[in-house]
């Protein structure tokens, strides 16, 4: 019933928006979707449904029905879907790397969705990852005087603050680490983690001695699951959390959760050499994402228990270890 209702709404709203005859949901029993390349239906990020659909016009296209990739969720996901569409538009305008085109953000009642271009993505080769490294270096060319973004967006299910600021260390403290530590406190994570985090915020300037980055356009959530390649090796990025920041923050995240091949890093460094100190700062930048995962893990586990301090879980423990190592760097 829910699937049928969503299909009817999606068809009606899509027809009004782009004037095509009908939209047919396909692959309901196929393999799970995987980003804009996937087929079938799957549970998306934090409760979103992902599926591929076909636009079926009265006069079929010469090369068959047009396929679209659809993210769907309840009304509470609408701002997240809008933010994702805004991020894709900014990346597309920059012109450095391919992203799926946005067809529609809309919905009615209990069903909202983001309709994207369907792209048949493939795993990358050494050569295609090198192209991605070059494209990312081009994306990161400074073109903005302030750090942040015109609107807040989302990192997973959590809000990502983006208040524009002139000072990068202040932005990273106030809009990245401090909100995650405040959320960790609200989630009643371990006191030792919170105390160490407070100490790190006080010593944050030490990590930026001699490093004054310019504002680069960042993907913002650049792990290997948010990148793919077309058949000709063209790199494609999706699921962004864009803002203007230190390019090292994007590059650092590519080293989390499995990392990218060596050809990617070699091509990036050749096109845009890194400042000294990146080997330490990358852990500071990745701390933001690990803290975010610690907070998301609490929500997935059902929230705090009676307002008492709770074990921080795998990501919380990882974050605490990272903070301790970073603090040790400031005393070295």
Protein backbone atom coordinates (compact mmCIF):
# COMPACT_ATOMS: atom_id res chain seq x y z
CA UNK A 1 0.00 0.00 0.00
CA UNK A 2 2.80 2.43 0.95
CA UNK A 3 4.74 1.57 -2.20
CA UNK A 4 1.69 2.06 -4.38
CA UNK A 5 0.82 5.39 -2.75
CA UNK A 6 4.37 6.69 -3.20
CA UNK A 7 4.34 5.61 -6.83
CA UNK A 8 1.04 7.43 -7.47
CA UNK A 9 2.25 10.63 -5.81
CA UNK A 10 5.61 10.48 -7.55
CA UNK A 11 3.91 9.96 -10.89
CA UNK A 12 1.45 12.83 -10.39
CA UNK A 13 4.02 15.35 -9.14
CA UNK A 14 6.59 14.34 -11.74
CA UNK A 15 4.07 14.69 -14.54
CA UNK A 16 3.18 18.18 -13.36
CA UNK A 17 6.85 19.14 -13.12
CA UNK A 18 8.29 17.69 -16.31
CA UNK A 19 5.25 16.84 -18.42
CA UNK A 20 5.90 13.16 -19.07
CA UNK A 21 3.18 10.59 -19.35
CA UNK A 22 3.93 8.26 -16.45
CA UNK A 23 6.55 6.96 -14.09
CA UNK A 24 6.97 3.25 -13.55
CA UNK A 25 8.78 1.86 -10.53
CA UNK A 26 11.00 -1.03 -11.52
CA UNK A 27 13.29 -3.51 -9.84
CA UNK A 28 11.30 -3.90 -6.64
CA UNK A 29 12.71 -7.37 -6.13
CA UNK A 30 16.14 -6.70 -7.62
CA UNK A 31 19.50 -6.21 -5.97
CA UNK A 32 19.73 -3.26 -3.56
CA UNK A 33 20.52 0.16 -4.90
CA UNK A 34 23.98 1.63 -4.46
CA UNK A 35 24.00 5.37 -4.97
CA UNK A 36 22.79 6.82 -8.28
CA UNK A 37 24.08 3.75 -10.08
CA UNK A 38 22.04 1.17 -8.24
CA UNK A 39 19.14 -0.94 -9.39
CA UNK A 40 16.24 -2.16 -7.34
CA UNK A 41 15.18 -0.90 -3.93
CA UNK A 42 17.09 -0.58 -0.71
CA UNK A 43 16.94 1.10 2.65
CA UNK A 44 18.77 4.37 2.17
CA UNK A 45 20.68 6.56 4.60
CA UNK A 46 18.86 6.80 7.94
CA UNK A 47 15.49 5.55 6.74
CA UNK A 48 15.37 6.75 3.15
CA UNK A 49 14.21 4.34 0.44
CA UNK A 50 16.25 4.18 -2.77
CA UNK A 51 14.98 2.88 -6.07
CA UNK A 52 15.29 3.15 -9.82
CA UNK A 53 12.30 4.25 -11.89
CA UNK A 54 11.47 4.46 -15.58
CA UNK A 55 9.78 7.37 -17.28
CA UNK A 56 7.39 5.89 -19.82
CA UNK A 57 6.24 8.44 -22.42
CA UNK A 58 3.41 7.97 -24.88
CA UNK A 59 6.04 7.84 -27.61
CA UNK A 60 8.92 5.66 -26.36
CA UNK A 61 12.39 7.13 -26.74
CA UNK A 62 14.58 5.75 -29.49
CA UNK A 63 16.89 4.11 -26.97
CA UNK A 64 14.19 2.88 -24.59
CA UNK A 65 12.65 4.31 -21.39
CA UNK A 66 14.53 6.98 -19.46
CA UNK A 67 15.72 5.80 -16.06
CA UNK A 68 15.88 7.91 -12.93
CA UNK A 69 17.33 7.34 -9.47
CA UNK A 70 14.93 8.24 -6.64
CA UNK A 71 15.47 8.85 -2.94
CA UNK A 72 12.25 8.85 -0.93
CA UNK A 73 11.48 9.53 2.70
CA UNK A 74 8.94 10.96 5.17
CA UNK A 75 8.29 14.73 5.54
CA UNK A 76 11.09 15.02 8.10
CA UNK A 77 13.59 14.24 5.34
CA UNK A 78 12.50 17.06 3.07
CA UNK A 79 15.17 19.53 4.21
CA UNK A 80 17.84 16.88 3.79
CA UNK A 81 16.70 16.17 0.25
CA UNK A 82 16.64 19.89 -0.56
CA UNK A 83 20.13 20.34 0.88
CA UNK A 84 21.46 17.46 -1.19
CA UNK A 85 19.96 18.94 -4.34
CA UNK A 86 21.51 22.34 -3.52
CA UNK A 87 24.90 20.74 -3.02
CA UNK A 88 24.73 18.86 -6.31
CA UNK A 89 23.82 22.10 -8.09
CA UNK A 90 26.86 23.90 -6.66
CA UNK A 91 29.19 21.06 -7.64
CA UNK A 92 27.67 20.93 -11.11
CA UNK A 93 28.11 24.69 -11.56
CA UNK A 94 31.77 24.42 -10.56
CA UNK A 95 32.24 22.12 -13.56
CA UNK A 96 35.25 20.24 -12.21
CA UNK A 97 33.64 16.83 -11.73
CA UNK A 98 30.52 15.04 -12.99
CA UNK A 99 27.53 14.78 -10.68
CA UNK A 100 24.03 13.37 -11.30
CA UNK A 101 21.63 15.99 -12.59
CA UNK A 102 18.69 16.86 -10.34
CA UNK A 103 15.26 16.44 -11.95
CA UNK A 104 12.95 17.19 -9.07
CA UNK A 105 12.63 17.66 -5.33
CA UNK A 106 9.04 17.34 -4.19
CA UNK A 107 6.30 15.30 -2.63
CA UNK A 108 2.97 15.39 -0.88
CA UNK A 109 1.58 14.26 2.44
CA UNK A 110 3.76 11.55 3.96
CA UNK A 111 6.04 10.97 0.94
CA UNK A 112 8.86 13.23 -0.24
CA UNK A 113 11.57 12.50 -2.75
CA UNK A 114 14.62 13.61 -4.69
CA UNK A 115 14.67 12.51 -8.34
CA UNK A 116 18.13 12.30 -9.90
CA UNK A 117 19.63 11.31 -13.19
CA UNK A 118 20.38 7.57 -13.27
CA UNK A 119 24.06 6.93 -13.98
CA UNK A 120 25.38 3.40 -14.66
CA UNK A 121 28.43 3.58 -12.42
CA UNK A 122 31.29 1.08 -12.32
CA UNK A 123 34.21 0.41 -9.97
CA UNK A 124 37.28 2.50 -10.67
CA UNK A 125 40.61 1.53 -12.21
CA UNK A 126 43.98 3.05 -11.32
CA UNK A 127 43.60 5.35 -14.31
CA UNK A 128 40.06 6.48 -13.46
CA UNK A 129 41.02 7.16 -9.84
CA UNK A 130 43.89 9.28 -11.11
CA UNK A 131 41.33 11.27 -13.12
CA UNK A 132 39.31 11.70 -9.95
CA UNK A 133 42.38 13.03 -8.14
CA UNK A 134 42.96 15.57 -10.90
CA UNK A 135 39.27 16.57 -10.91
CA UNK A 136 39.22 17.04 -7.15
CA UNK A 137 42.31 19.24 -7.32
CA UNK A 138 40.51 21.37 -9.90
CA UNK A 139 37.40 21.56 -7.71
CA UNK A 140 39.56 22.72 -4.81
CA UNK A 141 40.99 25.76 -6.59
CA UNK A 142 40.20 28.70 -4.30
CA UNK A 143 37.29 30.82 -5.50
CA UNK A 144 35.71 32.21 -2.32
CA UNK A 145 36.86 34.55 0.46
CA UNK A 146 34.81 33.07 3.33
CA UNK A 147 34.49 29.63 4.88
CA UNK A 148 31.10 27.96 5.23
CA UNK A 149 28.07 27.90 2.98
CA UNK A 150 24.91 29.89 2.28
CA UNK A 151 22.78 27.39 4.22
CA UNK A 152 23.17 24.65 6.77
CA UNK A 153 23.03 21.13 5.37
CA UNK A 154 23.42 17.59 6.68
CA UNK A 155 26.18 15.12 7.39
CA UNK A 156 24.28 11.85 7.49
CA UNK A 157 21.16 12.58 9.54
CA UNK A 158 22.84 15.28 11.64
CA UNK A 159 22.71 18.99 10.85
CA UNK A 160 25.97 20.47 9.55
CA UNK A 161 26.38 24.11 10.57
CA UNK A 162 27.76 26.40 7.86
CA UNK A 163 27.72 29.98 9.18
CA UNK A 164 30.04 31.99 6.94
CA UNK A 165 33.25 33.12 8.63
CA UNK A 166 36.53 34.73 7.60
CA UNK A 167 38.69 32.62 9.93
CA UNK A 168 39.11 28.92 9.12
CA UNK A 169 40.25 27.65 12.57
CA UNK A 170 37.30 29.48 14.15
CA UNK A 171 34.91 28.01 11.60
CA UNK A 172 36.22 24.48 12.14
CA UNK A 173 35.93 24.91 15.92
CA UNK A 174 32.49 26.57 15.98
CA UNK A 175 30.76 24.78 13.08
CA UNK A 176 32.40 21.36 13.07
CA UNK A 177 33.99 20.06 16.28
CA UNK A 178 32.05 22.05 18.90
CA UNK A 179 28.57 21.06 17.59
CA UNK A 180 29.55 17.39 17.47
CA UNK A 181 30.93 17.52 21.02
CA UNK A 182 27.76 19.30 22.18
CA UNK A 183 25.70 16.56 20.55
CA UNK A 184 27.88 13.94 22.20
CA UNK A 185 27.13 15.59 25.56
CA UNK A 186 23.41 15.60 24.80
CA UNK A 187 23.71 11.92 23.89
CA UNK A 188 25.38 11.25 27.28
CA UNK A 189 28.57 9.83 25.84
CA UNK A 190 31.55 9.11 28.10
CA UNK A 191 32.75 11.98 30.28
CA UNK A 192 36.39 11.19 29.40
CA UNK A 193 35.63 11.77 25.71
CA UNK A 194 33.86 15.06 26.46
CA UNK A 195 36.65 16.34 28.73
CA UNK A 196 39.32 15.47 26.17
CA UNK A 197 37.29 17.16 23.45
CA UNK A 198 37.01 20.36 25.50
CA UNK A 199 40.79 20.38 25.95
CA UNK A 200 41.30 19.92 22.23
CA UNK A 201 39.08 22.90 21.41
CA UNK A 202 41.26 25.06 23.65
CA UNK A 203 44.44 23.93 21.90
CA UNK A 204 43.08 24.04 18.36
CA UNK A 205 45.21 27.03 17.21
CA UNK A 206 48.36 24.93 17.59
CA UNK A 207 47.37 22.84 14.55
CA UNK A 208 47.22 25.86 12.26
CA UNK A 209 50.57 27.49 12.98
CA UNK A 210 51.99 28.31 9.56
CA UNK A 211 48.91 26.97 7.78
CA UNK A 212 46.51 29.57 6.37
CA UNK A 213 44.26 27.78 3.87
CA UNK A 214 42.13 29.55 1.31
CA UNK A 215 38.47 28.66 0.95
CA UNK A 216 37.97 25.79 -1.53
CA UNK A 217 34.69 24.21 -2.57
CA UNK A 218 34.49 20.84 -0.79
CA UNK A 219 32.31 17.81 -1.43
CA UNK A 220 32.15 17.50 2.34
CA UNK A 221 31.43 13.76 2.69
CA UNK A 222 34.02 12.28 0.37
CA UNK A 223 34.47 8.62 1.23
CA UNK A 224 34.72 5.87 -1.39
CA UNK A 225 31.00 5.09 -1.18
CA UNK A 226 30.17 8.53 -2.61
CA UNK A 227 32.27 8.21 -5.76
CA UNK A 228 31.93 6.09 -8.90
CA UNK A 229 32.89 6.01 -12.57
CA UNK A 230 31.16 5.91 -15.92
CA UNK A 231 32.12 3.34 -18.53
CA UNK A 232 34.67 5.69 -20.11
CA UNK A 233 36.37 6.31 -16.76
CA UNK A 234 34.71 9.67 -16.06
CA UNK A 235 34.62 10.25 -12.28
CA UNK A 236 31.23 10.94 -10.65
CA UNK A 237 30.58 12.28 -7.15
CA UNK A 238 27.25 12.20 -5.29
CA UNK A 239 25.70 12.51 -1.79
CA UNK A 240 27.54 15.78 -0.99
CA UNK A 241 27.58 17.91 2.15
CA UNK A 242 29.17 20.91 0.44
CA UNK A 243 30.79 23.95 1.99
CA UNK A 244 33.81 26.20 1.46
CA UNK A 245 36.75 25.08 3.58
CA UNK A 246 40.32 23.83 3.76
CA UNK A 247 40.82 21.40 0.88
CA UNK A 248 42.74 19.14 3.23
CA UNK A 249 39.46 18.30 4.96
CA UNK A 250 38.11 16.69 1.77
CA UNK A 251 41.32 14.85 1.08
CA UNK A 252 41.55 13.64 4.67
CA UNK A 253 38.13 12.02 4.53
CA UNK A 254 39.11 10.01 1.46
CA UNK A 255 41.48 8.16 3.81
CA UNK A 256 38.63 7.05 6.10
CA UNK A 257 36.60 3.86 5.69
CA UNK A 258 38.99 2.05 3.34
CA UNK A 259 40.54 4.94 1.45
CA UNK A 260 41.20 5.45 -2.25
CA UNK A 261 43.96 3.84 -4.38
CA UNK A 262 47.47 5.29 -4.49
CA UNK A 263 46.93 6.60 -8.04
CA UNK A 264 44.28 9.01 -6.71
CA UNK A 265 46.61 10.57 -4.13
CA UNK A 266 49.56 10.75 -6.52
CA UNK A 267 47.48 12.58 -9.13
CA UNK A 268 46.04 14.98 -6.57
CA UNK A 269 49.42 15.84 -5.05
CA UNK A 270 50.94 16.37 -8.48
CA UNK A 271 48.18 18.82 -9.39
CA UNK A 272 47.94 20.46 -5.96
CA UNK A 273 50.85 19.81 -3.55
CA UNK A 274 49.95 19.77 0.13
CA UNK A 275 51.33 21.97 2.89
CA UNK A 276 53.57 20.52 5.57
CA UNK A 277 51.64 19.35 8.60
CA UNK A 278 48.88 17.60 6.64
CA UNK A 279 49.87 14.25 8.16
CA UNK A 280 48.69 15.56 11.55
CA UNK A 281 45.85 17.85 10.45
CA UNK A 282 44.14 15.06 8.53
CA UNK A 283 43.39 13.33 11.84
CA UNK A 284 41.93 16.55 13.21
CA UNK A 285 39.66 16.88 10.19
CA UNK A 286 38.63 13.23 10.29
CA UNK A 287 37.78 13.55 13.98
CA UNK A 288 34.70 15.50 12.90
CA UNK A 289 33.40 12.56 10.88
CA UNK A 290 34.24 9.97 13.53
CA UNK A 291 32.42 12.04 16.16
CA UNK A 292 29.48 12.32 13.80
CA UNK A 293 29.38 8.55 13.43
CA UNK A 294 29.55 8.16 17.21
CA UNK A 295 26.48 10.40 17.54
CA UNK A 296 24.66 8.62 14.72
CA UNK A 297 25.44 5.30 16.38
CA UNK A 298 23.70 6.46 19.56
CA UNK A 299 20.57 7.28 17.57
CA UNK A 300 20.66 3.92 15.81
CA UNK A 301 21.01 2.18 19.17
CA UNK A 302 17.86 3.86 20.47
CA UNK A 303 19.18 6.97 22.19
CA UNK A 304 20.46 7.54 25.71
CA UNK A 305 19.42 5.46 28.66
CA UNK A 306 17.70 7.39 31.45
CA UNK A 307 20.02 10.38 31.06
CA UNK A 308 23.03 8.44 32.33
CA UNK A 309 26.49 8.37 30.80
CA UNK A 310 26.78 5.52 28.36
CA UNK A 311 29.53 3.65 26.60
CA UNK A 312 30.51 5.59 23.48
CA UNK A 313 30.54 2.58 21.17
CA UNK A 314 33.17 1.80 18.53
CA UNK A 315 33.23 5.27 16.97
CA UNK A 316 33.18 7.00 20.34
CA UNK A 317 36.20 5.01 21.47
CA UNK A 318 37.93 5.76 18.18
CA UNK A 319 37.19 9.47 18.60
CA UNK A 320 38.57 9.47 22.14
CA UNK A 321 41.79 7.81 20.96
CA UNK A 322 42.13 10.32 18.12
CA UNK A 323 41.69 13.24 20.53
CA UNK A 324 44.32 11.87 22.87
CA UNK A 325 46.78 11.47 20.00
CA UNK A 326 46.04 15.00 18.76
CA UNK A 327 46.52 16.46 22.23
CA UNK A 328 49.87 14.66 22.45
CA UNK A 329 50.91 16.43 19.24
CA UNK A 330 50.30 19.82 20.86
CA UNK A 331 52.61 18.94 23.76
CA UNK A 332 55.39 17.43 21.60
